[in-house]
Amino acid sequence: MTLNKSTSLAFIALAVSFCIGCSSKEDRDKYDHYYGSGSKVREETALVKLQNDRKTPPPPPVEPAATAPAPAAVDSGKAGDSAAVAAAPEAAAAPVVPKRKPVPADVSALLNKHACFACHQAYDKVIGPAYSEVAKKKYTPDQIVELVHSPKPEHWPGYPPMAPLAHVPKADIVVIANWINSL
């Protein structure tokens, strides 16, 4: 009698696992792309690109500005005017480099504790958006808490969906959120 019951339950369990395991190839591919081996390739590609971007320094902005005023100086024929013309474009052409604030020690400890740095950096895109990009969205700390606990991928098209981090305490997220909004 017990054998018949356990056999029936085994068949039911097998049928349920078969039904659950049979999803479409498209669904399996999508899952694999975001969470399986596809995510590993995407992560490695993003890290290699980030490392290459850091290795190649941006071209110095002074060279294009220095060559541009030369024709104007020749055309004017006045030595005093050419010095003023040459100085003005260089000052105007100087690129505005965004000020990068260092990550405070308490925030850095929280970001490391909850593994946030695995996907996000303060100013650079890794897998997820940079915190400076998140700051541009002007989320309130409560909105950031909600988005960490239950992410909305539609807010960040082009990025892989973030896993829900319901285990992260609200107080920790509020500290991080206040720092993000200060960027």
Protein backbone atom coordinates (compact mmCIF):
# COMPACT_ATOMS: atom_id res chain seq x y z
CA MET A 1 0.00 0.00 0.00
CA THR A 2 2.77 2.44 0.94
CA LEU A 3 4.66 1.54 -2.22
CA ASN A 4 1.64 2.36 -4.38
CA LYS A 5 1.24 5.76 -2.68
CA SER A 6 4.89 6.69 -3.06
CA THR A 7 4.91 5.53 -6.69
CA SER A 8 1.90 7.73 -7.45
CA LEU A 9 3.53 10.70 -5.75
CA ALA A 10 6.76 10.08 -7.65
CA PHE A 11 4.91 10.12 -10.98
CA ILE A 12 3.11 13.32 -10.04
CA ALA A 13 6.38 14.96 -9.02
CA LEU A 14 8.00 13.84 -12.27
CA ALA A 15 5.10 15.20 -14.33
CA VAL A 16 5.17 18.54 -12.51
CA SER A 17 8.93 18.92 -12.91
CA PHE A 18 8.61 18.07 -16.61
CA CYS A 19 5.88 20.69 -17.10
CA ILE A 20 7.80 23.35 -15.20
CA GLY A 21 11.05 22.59 -17.00
CA CYS A 22 9.51 22.86 -20.48
CA SER A 23 9.70 26.53 -21.31
CA SER A 24 10.17 27.90 -24.78
CA LYS A 25 13.63 28.10 -26.32
CA GLU A 26 13.24 31.87 -26.47
CA ASP A 27 12.60 32.01 -22.71
CA ARG A 28 15.57 29.75 -21.97
CA ASP A 29 17.82 31.84 -24.21
CA LYS A 30 16.63 35.08 -22.60
CA TYR A 31 17.22 33.65 -19.12
CA ASP A 32 20.66 32.38 -20.12
CA HIS A 33 21.57 35.73 -21.64
CA TYR A 34 20.79 37.63 -18.43
CA TYR A 35 21.64 35.12 -15.72
CA GLY A 36 23.54 32.20 -17.24
CA SER A 37 26.64 31.92 -19.39
CA GLY A 38 25.50 34.90 -21.47
CA SER A 39 25.81 37.14 -18.44
CA LYS A 40 29.38 35.98 -17.87
CA VAL A 41 30.31 36.89 -21.44
CA ARG A 42 28.56 40.26 -21.10
CA GLU A 43 30.32 40.96 -17.81
CA GLU A 44 33.72 40.02 -19.21
CA THR A 45 33.16 42.14 -22.31
CA ALA A 46 32.12 45.12 -20.21
CA LEU A 47 35.14 44.77 -17.93
CA VAL A 48 37.57 44.45 -20.86
CA LYS A 49 36.04 47.53 -22.50
CA LEU A 50 36.27 49.46 -19.22
CA GLN A 51 39.91 48.48 -18.78
CA ASN A 52 40.72 49.48 -22.36
CA ASP A 53 38.96 52.82 -21.88
CA ARG A 54 41.04 53.45 -18.77
CA LYS A 55 44.30 52.49 -20.53
CA THR A 56 43.85 54.79 -23.50
CA PRO A 57 44.13 58.38 -22.33
CA PRO A 58 41.90 60.96 -24.00
CA PRO A 59 43.65 63.12 -26.58
CA PRO A 60 44.99 66.37 -25.18
CA PRO A 61 42.50 69.18 -25.88
CA VAL A 62 45.19 71.87 -26.22
CA GLU A 63 46.42 70.82 -29.69
CA PRO A 64 43.21 71.52 -31.66
CA ALA A 65 42.73 74.88 -29.93
CA ALA A 66 46.35 75.92 -30.61
CA THR A 67 46.10 75.24 -34.36
CA ALA A 68 42.74 76.98 -34.89
CA PRO A 69 43.73 80.61 -34.18
CA ALA A 70 46.83 80.57 -36.41
CA PRO A 71 44.95 81.52 -39.65
CA ALA A 72 43.11 84.38 -37.90
CA ALA A 73 46.41 85.77 -36.58
CA VAL A 74 47.97 85.72 -40.05
CA ASP A 75 44.96 87.46 -41.60
CA SER A 76 44.82 90.29 -39.05
CA GLY A 77 48.47 91.30 -39.45
CA LYS A 78 48.57 92.81 -35.93
CA ALA A 79 50.89 91.18 -33.40
CA GLY A 80 48.95 92.38 -30.34
CA ASP A 81 45.63 91.08 -31.66
CA SER A 82 47.03 87.66 -32.52
CA ALA A 83 48.09 87.00 -28.91
CA ALA A 84 44.65 87.93 -27.63
CA VAL A 85 42.93 85.81 -30.31
CA ALA A 86 45.19 82.85 -29.55
CA ALA A 87 44.50 83.01 -25.80
CA ALA A 88 40.71 83.33 -26.04
CA PRO A 89 39.97 80.11 -27.98
CA GLU A 90 42.22 78.06 -25.71
CA ALA A 91 40.27 79.19 -22.67
CA ALA A 92 36.95 78.56 -24.43
CA ALA A 93 38.03 75.16 -25.80
CA ALA A 94 39.19 73.79 -22.44
CA PRO A 95 36.96 70.79 -21.75
CA VAL A 96 34.80 70.85 -18.68
CA VAL A 97 35.85 67.81 -16.69
CA PRO A 98 33.15 66.70 -14.29
CA LYS A 99 34.30 66.86 -10.71
CA ARG A 100 34.60 63.35 -9.30
CA LYS A 101 33.97 63.20 -5.61
CA PRO A 102 35.62 60.33 -3.74
CA VAL A 103 33.32 57.73 -2.22
CA PRO A 104 33.08 58.32 1.55
CA ALA A 105 34.43 55.49 3.72
CA ASP A 106 31.08 54.65 5.34
CA VAL A 107 29.30 54.49 1.97
CA SER A 108 32.15 52.48 0.45
CA ALA A 109 31.89 49.97 3.29
CA LEU A 110 28.14 49.56 2.66
CA LEU A 111 28.63 49.24 -1.11
CA ASN A 112 31.24 46.53 -0.55
CA LYS A 113 29.17 44.78 2.14
CA HIS A 114 26.16 44.43 -0.16
CA ALA A 115 28.26 43.75 -3.31
CA CYS A 116 26.96 46.84 -5.13
CA PHE A 117 30.39 47.48 -6.65
CA ALA A 118 30.07 44.21 -8.57
CA CYS A 119 27.73 45.94 -11.03
CA HIS A 120 27.93 49.68 -10.29
CA GLN A 121 30.72 52.24 -9.91
CA ALA A 122 30.51 55.88 -8.88
CA TYR A 123 31.24 57.40 -12.29
CA ASP A 124 31.84 54.51 -14.70
CA LYS A 125 29.38 52.12 -16.30
CA VAL A 126 30.25 48.50 -15.54
CA ILE A 127 27.23 46.20 -15.83
CA GLY A 128 24.65 48.51 -14.34
CA PRO A 129 24.51 52.30 -14.64
CA ALA A 130 27.02 54.50 -12.84
CA TYR A 131 25.76 56.09 -9.64
CA SER A 132 26.30 59.51 -11.22
CA GLU A 133 23.78 58.52 -13.92
CA VAL A 134 21.34 57.35 -11.24
CA ALA A 135 21.74 60.74 -9.53
CA LYS A 136 20.61 62.47 -12.74
CA LYS A 137 17.22 60.73 -12.44
CA LYS A 138 16.57 62.65 -9.17
CA TYR A 139 15.09 59.68 -7.27
CA THR A 140 14.18 60.29 -3.64
CA PRO A 141 15.84 58.03 -1.05
CA ASP A 142 12.51 56.22 -0.57
CA GLN A 143 12.25 55.60 -4.32
CA ILE A 144 15.78 54.20 -4.36
CA VAL A 145 14.91 51.89 -1.45
CA GLU A 146 11.88 50.66 -3.38
CA LEU A 147 13.91 50.18 -6.57
CA VAL A 148 16.62 48.21 -4.76
CA HIS A 149 14.05 45.94 -3.14
CA SER A 150 12.03 45.48 -6.35
CA PRO A 151 13.86 46.84 -9.43
CA LYS A 152 12.05 48.14 -12.50
CA PRO A 153 14.09 47.28 -15.62
CA GLU A 154 11.96 49.64 -17.73
CA HIS A 155 13.66 52.56 -15.92
CA TRP A 156 17.03 51.52 -17.40
CA PRO A 157 16.63 50.20 -20.94
CA GLY A 158 19.81 48.77 -22.40
CA TYR A 159 20.99 47.39 -19.06
CA PRO A 160 20.42 43.85 -17.78
CA PRO A 161 17.70 43.65 -15.15
CA MET A 162 18.88 44.03 -11.58
CA ALA A 163 18.13 41.21 -9.15
CA PRO A 164 15.85 42.21 -6.27
CA LEU A 165 17.88 42.84 -3.12
CA ALA A 166 15.18 42.59 -0.46
CA HIS A 167 17.73 41.47 2.15
CA VAL A 168 19.50 44.85 2.15
CA PRO A 169 18.33 46.92 5.15
CA LYS A 170 16.44 50.11 4.40
CA ALA A 171 18.77 52.16 6.63
CA ASP A 172 21.79 51.08 4.58
CA ILE A 173 20.06 51.94 1.31
CA VAL A 174 19.06 55.38 2.62
CA VAL A 175 22.72 56.16 3.45
CA ILE A 176 23.76 55.06 -0.05
CA ALA A 177 20.83 56.94 -1.65
CA ASN A 178 21.76 60.20 0.09
CA TRP A 179 25.31 59.83 -1.22
CA ILE A 180 24.05 59.07 -4.74
CA ASN A 181 21.90 62.21 -4.69
CA SER A 182 24.92 64.26 -3.65
CA LEU A 183 26.79 63.38 -6.85
